[in-house]
PDB file of N, CA and C in Angstrom:
ATOM      1  N   MET A   1       0.876  -0.981  -0.076  1.00  0.00           N
ATOM      2  CA  MET A   1      -0.051   0.212   0.140  1.00  0.00           C
ATOM      3  C   MET A   1       1.068   1.279   0.272  1.00  0.00           C
ATOM      4  N   GLN A   2       0.690   1.959  -0.600  1.00  0.00           N
ATOM      5  CA  GLN A   2       1.391   3.134  -0.730  1.00  0.00           C
ATOM      6  C   GLN A   2       1.068   4.410  -0.237  1.00  0.00           C
ATOM      7  N   SER A   3       2.217   5.071   0.430  1.00  0.00           N
ATOM      8  CA  SER A   3       2.025   5.801   2.027  1.00  0.00           C
ATOM      9  C   SER A   3       1.473   7.471   1.071  1.00  0.00           C
ATOM     10  N   ARG A   4       0.055   8.259   1.854  1.00  0.00           N
ATOM     11  CA  ARG A   4      -0.167   9.577   1.175  1.00  0.00           C
ATOM     12  C   ARG A   4       1.263  10.177   1.872  1.00  0.00           C
ATOM     13  N   THR A   5       1.475  11.506   0.727  1.00  0.00           N
ATOM     14  CA  THR A   5       2.383  12.986   1.270  1.00  0.00           C
ATOM     15  C   THR A   5       1.140  13.792   1.615  1.00  0.00           C
ATOM     16  N   PHE A   6       2.473  14.555   2.320  1.00  0.00           N
ATOM     17  CA  PHE A   6       1.181  15.902   2.713  1.00  0.00           C
ATOM     18  C   PHE A   6       2.368  16.261   2.981  1.00  0.00           C
ATOM     19  N   GLU A   7       2.451  17.862   3.525  1.00  0.00           N
ATOM     20  CA  GLU A   7       3.190  19.194   3.639  1.00  0.00           C
ATOM     21  C   GLU A   7       2.824  19.906   5.072  1.00  0.00           C
ATOM     22  N   ILE A   8       4.247  20.780   5.607  1.00  0.00           N
ATOM     23  CA  ILE A   8       4.196  21.682   6.970  1.00  0.00           C
ATOM     24  C   ILE A   8       2.905  21.955   6.960  1.00  0.00           C
ATOM     25  N   GLY A   9       1.851  22.057   8.068  1.00  0.00           N
ATOM     26  CA  GLY A   9       0.876  22.969   7.563  1.00  0.00           C
ATOM     27  C   GLY A   9      -0.780  22.676   7.983  1.00  0.00           C
ATOM     28  N   ASP A  10      -0.501  21.288   7.333  1.00  0.00           N
ATOM     29  CA  ASP A  10      -1.496  20.263   6.209  1.00  0.00           C
ATOM     30  C   ASP A  10      -2.510  20.174   7.862  1.00  0.00           C
ATOM     31  N   ILE A  11      -3.144  20.057   8.043  1.00  0.00           N
ATOM     32  CA  ILE A  11      -4.148  19.878   9.194  1.00  0.00           C
ATOM     33  C   ILE A  11      -4.600  18.220   8.567  1.00  0.00           C
ATOM     34  N   VAL A  12      -4.096  16.777   9.989  1.00  0.00           N
ATOM     35  CA  VAL A  12      -4.590  15.432   9.324  1.00  0.00           C
ATOM     36  C   VAL A  12      -5.660  15.352  10.645  1.00  0.00           C
ATOM     37  N   SER A  13      -5.795  13.812  10.236  1.00  0.00           N
ATOM     38  CA  SER A  13      -6.572  13.538  11.574  1.00  0.00           C
ATOM     39  C   SER A  13      -5.753  11.778  11.156  1.00  0.00           C
ATOM     40  N   TRP A  14      -5.871  11.322  12.671  1.00  0.00           N
ATOM     41  CA  TRP A  14      -5.024   9.748  12.993  1.00  0.00           C
ATOM     42  C   TRP A  14      -6.643   8.896  13.924  1.00  0.00           C
ATOM     43  N   ASN A  15      -6.228   8.235  13.829  1.00  0.00           N
ATOM     44  CA  ASN A  15      -6.808   6.991  14.660  1.00  0.00           C
ATOM     45  C   ASN A  15      -5.909   6.498  15.876  1.00  0.00           C
ATOM     46  N   SER A  16      -6.297   6.912  17.258  1.00  0.00           N
ATOM     47  CA  SER A  16      -5.407   7.001  18.481  1.00  0.00           C
ATOM     48  C   SER A  16      -6.040   5.765  19.082  1.00  0.00           C
ATOM     49  N   GLU A  17      -5.712   5.742  20.224  1.00  0.00           N
ATOM     50  CA  GLU A  17      -5.900   4.505  21.036  1.00  0.00           C
ATOM     51  C   GLU A  17      -7.135   5.238  21.773  1.00  0.00           C
ATOM     52  N   ALA A  18      -7.459   6.572  21.863  1.00  0.00           N
ATOM     53  CA  ALA A  18      -8.314   7.120  22.203  1.00  0.00           C
ATOM     54  C   ALA A  18      -9.221   7.555  21.883  1.00  0.00           C
ATOM     55  N   GLY A  19      -9.400   7.165  20.219  1.00  0.00           N
ATOM     56  CA  GLY A  19     -10.520   7.719  19.147  1.00  0.00           C
ATOM     57  C   GLY A  19      -9.346   8.706  18.199  1.00  0.00           C
ATOM     58  N   TYR A  20      -9.976   9.001  16.970  1.00  0.00           N
ATOM     59  CA  TYR A  20      -9.544  10.000  16.319  1.00  0.00           C
ATOM     60  C   TYR A  20      -8.912  11.471  16.636  1.00  0.00           C
ATOM     61  N   VAL A  21      -7.960  11.708  16.382  1.00  0.00           N
ATOM     62  CA  VAL A  21      -6.965  12.814  16.701  1.00  0.00           C
ATOM     63  C   VAL A  21      -6.748  13.713  16.047  1.00  0.00           C
ATOM     64  N   THR A  22      -6.674  15.529  15.685  1.00  0.00           N
ATOM     65  CA  THR A  22      -6.865  15.999  14.316  1.00  0.00           C
ATOM     66  C   THR A  22      -5.702  17.174  15.058  1.00  0.00           C
ATOM     67  N   GLY A  23      -4.685  17.054  13.844  1.00  0.00           N
ATOM     68  CA  GLY A  23      -3.099  17.841  14.292  1.00  0.00           C
ATOM     69  C   GLY A  23      -2.917  18.953  13.032  1.00  0.00           C
ATOM     70  N   ARG A  24      -1.749  19.279  13.791  1.00  0.00           N
ATOM     71  CA  ARG A  24      -1.145  20.184  12.264  1.00  0.00           C
ATOM     72  C   ARG A  24       0.274  19.627  12.253  1.00  0.00           C
ATOM     73  N   ILE A  25       0.873  19.092  10.381  1.00  0.00           N
ATOM     74  CA  ILE A  25       2.010  18.928  10.046  1.00  0.00           C
ATOM     75  C   ILE A  25       2.627  19.674  10.527  1.00  0.00           C
ATOM     76  N   ARG A  26       4.353  20.206  11.837  1.00  0.00           N
ATOM     77  CA  ARG A  26       5.025  20.886  12.166  1.00  0.00           C
ATOM     78  C   ARG A  26       6.327  20.294  11.171  1.00  0.00           C
ATOM     79  N   ALA A  27       6.542  18.989  10.931  1.00  0.00           N
ATOM     80  CA  ALA A  27       7.670  18.773  10.786  1.00  0.00           C
ATOM     81  C   ALA A  27       8.038  17.474   9.629  1.00  0.00           C
ATOM     82  N   ILE A  28       8.711  17.211   9.071  1.00  0.00           N
ATOM     83  CA  ILE A  28       8.673  16.189   8.025  1.00  0.00           C
ATOM     84  C   ILE A  28      10.022  15.493   7.936  1.00  0.00           C
ATOM     85  N   HIS A  29      10.575  14.048   8.243  1.00  0.00           N
ATOM     86  CA  HIS A  29      11.404  13.681   8.466  1.00  0.00           C
ATOM     87  C   HIS A  29      11.781  12.378   7.628  1.00  0.00           C
ATOM     88  N   THR A  30      12.514  13.050   6.943  1.00  0.00           N
ATOM     89  CA  THR A  30      13.146  12.088   5.799  1.00  0.00           C
ATOM     90  C   THR A  30      14.252  11.293   6.358  1.00  0.00           C
ATOM     91  N   ILE A  31      15.154  10.847   7.437  1.00  0.00           N
ATOM     92  CA  ILE A  31      15.933  10.007   7.306  1.00  0.00           C
ATOM     93  C   ILE A  31      15.704   9.661   8.760  1.00  0.00           C
ATOM     94  N   PRO A  32      15.878   8.442   9.401  1.00  0.00           N
ATOM     95  CA  PRO A  32      15.674   7.902  10.883  1.00  0.00           C
ATOM     96  C   PRO A  32      16.020   8.952  11.650  1.00  0.00           C
ATOM     97  N   PHE A  33      15.781   8.858  12.941  1.00  0.00           N
ATOM     98  CA  PHE A  33      15.114  10.131  14.292  1.00  0.00           C
ATOM     99  C   PHE A  33      15.629   9.180  15.697  1.00  0.00           C
ATOM    100  N   MET A  34      15.769   9.941  16.852  1.00  0.00           N
ATOM    101  CA  MET A  34      15.770   9.411  17.861  1.00  0.00           C
ATOM    102  C   MET A  34      14.441  10.465  18.508  1.00  0.00           C
ATOM    103  N   VAL A  35      13.701   9.760  19.269  1.00  0.00           N
ATOM    104  CA  VAL A  35      12.713  10.745  19.929  1.00  0.00           C
ATOM    105  C   VAL A  35      12.186   9.954  21.547  1.00  0.00           C
ATOM    106  N   ASN A  36      13.193  10.270  22.268  1.00  0.00           N
ATOM    107  CA  ASN A  36      12.899   9.885  23.887  1.00  0.00           C
ATOM    108  C   ASN A  36      13.241   8.505  23.625  1.00  0.00           C
ATOM    109  N   GLY A  37      14.833   8.336  22.907  1.00  0.00           N
ATOM    110  CA  GLY A  37      15.398   7.205  23.139  1.00  0.00           C
ATOM    111  C   GLY A  37      14.532   5.862  22.514  1.00  0.00           C
ATOM    112  N   TYR A  38      13.769   6.086  21.606  1.00  0.00           N
ATOM    113  CA  TYR A  38      12.943   5.317  20.169  1.00  0.00           C
ATOM    114  C   TYR A  38      13.438   5.890  18.817  1.00  0.00           C
ATOM    115  N   GLN A  39      13.708   4.999  18.535  1.00  0.00           N
ATOM    116  CA  GLN A  39      14.300   5.213  16.864  1.00  0.00           C
ATOM    117  C   GLN A  39      12.879   5.245  15.760  1.00  0.00           C
ATOM    118  N   HIS A  40      12.874   6.111  15.200  1.00  0.00           N
ATOM    119  CA  HIS A  40      11.830   6.207  14.639  1.00  0.00           C
ATOM    120  C   HIS A  40      12.322   6.046  12.713  1.00  0.00           C
ATOM    121  N   HIS A  41      12.457   5.418  12.437  1.00  0.00           N
ATOM    122  CA  HIS A  41      12.297   4.775  10.983  1.00  0.00           C
ATOM    123  C   HIS A  41      11.802   5.511   9.519  1.00  0.00           C
ATOM    124  N   ALA A  42      12.319   6.438   8.926  1.00  0.00           N
ATOM    125  CA  ALA A  42      11.975   7.323   7.516  1.00  0.00           C
ATOM    126  C   ALA A  42      13.127   7.650   6.629  1.00  0.00           C
ATOM    127  N   SER A  43      12.750   7.517   5.585  1.00  0.00           N
ATOM    128  CA  SER A  43      13.227   7.837   4.400  1.00  0.00           C
ATOM    129  C   SER A  43      12.404   9.300   3.590  1.00  0.00           C
ATOM    130  N   SER A  44      13.175   9.406   2.754  1.00  0.00           N
ATOM    131  CA  SER A  44      12.740  10.345   1.256  1.00  0.00           C
ATOM    132  C   SER A  44      11.366   9.847   0.653  1.00  0.00           C
ATOM    133  N   THR A  45      11.362   8.094   1.038  1.00  0.00           N
ATOM    134  CA  THR A  45      10.488   7.572  -0.070  1.00  0.00           C
ATOM    135  C   THR A  45       9.049   7.078   0.911  1.00  0.00           C
ATOM    136  N   ASN A  46       9.894   7.123   2.241  1.00  0.00           N
ATOM    137  CA  ASN A  46       8.830   6.786   3.613  1.00  0.00           C
ATOM    138  C   ASN A  46       8.874   7.608   4.744  1.00  0.00           C
ATOM    139  N   PRO A  47       7.983   8.925   4.749  1.00  0.00           N
ATOM    140  CA  PRO A  47       8.658   9.873   5.655  1.00  0.00           C
ATOM    141  C   PRO A  47       8.165   9.737   7.005  1.00  0.00           C
ATOM    142  N   GLN A  48       8.801   9.846   8.250  1.00  0.00           N
ATOM    143  CA  GLN A  48       7.619   9.812   9.040  1.00  0.00           C
ATOM    144  C   GLN A  48       7.205  11.896   9.606  1.00  0.00           C
ATOM    145  N   TYR A  49       6.141  11.916   9.432  1.00  0.00           N
ATOM    146  CA  TYR A  49       5.249  13.037  10.372  1.00  0.00           C
ATOM    147  C   TYR A  49       5.316  13.969  11.457  1.00  0.00           C
ATOM    148  N   GLU A  50       5.713  14.984  11.834  1.00  0.00           N
ATOM    149  CA  GLU A  50       5.781  15.082  12.978  1.00  0.00           C
ATOM    150  C   GLU A  50       4.477  16.108  13.517  1.00  0.00           C
ATOM    151  N   ILE A  51       3.565  15.148  13.977  1.00  0.00           N
ATOM    152  CA  ILE A  51       2.555  16.431  13.985  1.00  0.00           C
ATOM    153  C   ILE A  51       1.603  16.683  15.528  1.00  0.00           C
ATOM    154  N   GLU A  52       1.377  18.007  15.782  1.00  0.00           N
ATOM    155  CA  GLU A  52       0.607  19.094  16.829  1.00  0.00           C
ATOM    156  C   GLU A  52      -0.517  18.583  17.030  1.00  0.00           C
ATOM    157  N   SER A  53      -0.729  18.051  18.226  1.00  0.00           N
ATOM    158  CA  SER A  53      -2.550  17.773  18.728  1.00  0.00           C
ATOM    159  C   SER A  53      -3.163  18.983  18.038  1.00  0.00           C
ATOM    160  N   LEU A  54      -4.110  19.406  17.683  1.00  0.00           N
ATOM    161  CA  LEU A  54      -4.695  20.883  17.575  1.00  0.00           C
ATOM    162  C   LEU A  54      -5.865  21.243  18.996  1.00  0.00           C
ATOM    163  N   LYS A  55      -6.113  20.058  20.027  1.00  0.00           N
ATOM    164  CA  LYS A  55      -6.158  19.707  20.914  1.00  0.00           C
ATOM    165  C   LYS A  55      -5.603  19.789  22.581  1.00  0.00           C
ATOM    166  N   THR A  56      -4.637  18.985  22.284  1.00  0.00           N
ATOM    167  CA  THR A  56      -3.822  19.070  23.416  1.00  0.00           C
ATOM    168  C   THR A  56      -2.344  19.388  22.933  1.00  0.00           C
ATOM    169  N   ARG A  57      -1.970  19.498  22.314  1.00  0.00           N
ATOM    170  CA  ARG A  57      -0.415  20.051  21.602  1.00  0.00           C
ATOM    171  C   ARG A  57       0.686  18.898  21.917  1.00  0.00           C
ATOM    172  N   HIS A  58       0.058  17.599  22.301  1.00  0.00           N
ATOM    173  CA  HIS A  58       0.593  16.937  22.283  1.00  0.00           C
ATOM    174  C   HIS A  58       1.588  16.192  20.619  1.00  0.00           C
ATOM    175  N   ILE A  59       3.059  15.697  21.035  1.00  0.00           N
ATOM    176  CA  ILE A  59       3.423  15.854  19.334  1.00  0.00           C
ATOM    177  C   ILE A  59       3.548  14.128  19.027  1.00  0.00           C
ATOM    178  N   ALA A  60       3.205  13.703  18.145  1.00  0.00           N
ATOM    179  CA  ALA A  60       3.401  12.632  17.905  1.00  0.00           C
ATOM    180  C   ALA A  60       3.738  12.219  15.887  1.00  0.00           C
ATOM    181  N   PHE A  61       4.415  11.006  16.089  1.00  0.00           N
ATOM    182  CA  PHE A  61       4.529  11.266  15.005  1.00  0.00           C
ATOM    183  C   PHE A  61       4.057   9.731  13.837  1.00  0.00           C
ATOM    184  N   HIS A  62       3.783  10.235  13.060  1.00  0.00           N
ATOM    185  CA  HIS A  62       3.090   8.506  11.903  1.00  0.00           C
ATOM    186  C   HIS A  62       3.555   8.835  10.318  1.00  0.00           C
ATOM    187  N   LYS A  63       3.891   7.832  10.028  1.00  0.00           N
ATOM    188  CA  LYS A  63       3.874   7.858   8.659  1.00  0.00           C
ATOM    189  C   LYS A  63       2.583   8.378   7.875  1.00  0.00           C
ATOM    190  N   GLY A  64       2.547   8.920   6.299  1.00  0.00           N
ATOM    191  CA  GLY A  64       1.506   9.101   5.338  1.00  0.00           C
ATOM    192  C   GLY A  64       0.459   7.942   6.073  1.00  0.00           C
ATOM    193  N   ILE A  65       0.513   6.380   5.507  1.00  0.00           N
ATOM    194  CA  ILE A  65       0.017   5.772   5.566  1.00  0.00           C
ATOM    195  C   ILE A  65      -1.500   5.976   6.376  1.00  0.00           C
ATOM    196  N   ALA A  66      -0.865   6.520   7.734  1.00  0.00           N
ATOM    197  CA  ALA A  66      -1.960   6.459   8.891  1.00  0.00           C
ATOM    198  C   ALA A  66      -2.505   8.026   8.979  1.00  0.00           C
ATOM    199  N   LEU A  67      -2.453   8.588   8.378  1.00  0.00           N
ATOM    200  CA  LEU A  67      -3.359  10.388   8.123  1.00  0.00           C
ATOM    201  C   LEU A  67      -4.234  10.006   7.094  1.00  0.00           C
ATOM    202  N   ARG A  68      -5.229  11.121   7.876  1.00  0.00           N
ATOM    203  CA  ARG A  68      -6.154  11.692   6.450  1.00  0.00           C
ATOM    204  C   ARG A  68      -6.338  12.940   6.613  1.00  0.00           C
ATOM    205  N   ARG A  69      -6.232  13.399   5.435  1.00  0.00           N
ATOM    206  CA  ARG A  69      -5.846  15.339   5.502  1.00  0.00           C
ATOM    207  C   ARG A  69      -7.562  15.552   5.478  1.00  0.00           C
ATOM    208  N   VAL A  70      -7.905  16.489   6.659  1.00  0.00           N
ATOM    209  CA  VAL A  70      -8.810  17.032   6.851  1.00  0.00           C
ATOM    210  C   VAL A  70      -9.245  18.220   5.695  1.00  0.00           C
ATOM    211  N   VAL A  71     -10.111  18.558   5.223  1.00  0.00           N
ATOM    212  CA  VAL A  71     -10.923  19.754   4.272  1.00  0.00           C
ATOM    213  C   VAL A  71     -11.811  20.275   5.630  1.00  0.00           C
ATOM    214  N   SER A  72     -11.263  21.959   5.608  1.00  0.00           N
ATOM    215  CA  SER A  72     -12.616  22.853   6.367  1.00  0.00           C
ATOM    216  C   SER A  72     -13.447  23.141   5.141  1.00  0.00           C
TER     217      SER A  72
END
């Protein structure tokens, strides 16, 4: 299954343990990176998106396949 692509500033939603969350993409990672001791796998063909929740301001990291663009 092919990953979706997004840009910084896009509003997206994803399914979390607590239900659907909406957030704004604030960075796009195209190389592997560490966060709190956890290795996130990213590449130019399969990036990880850094997203800030609009409700809680929590930062999450997801690949495009997990995200849906929110149309306002």
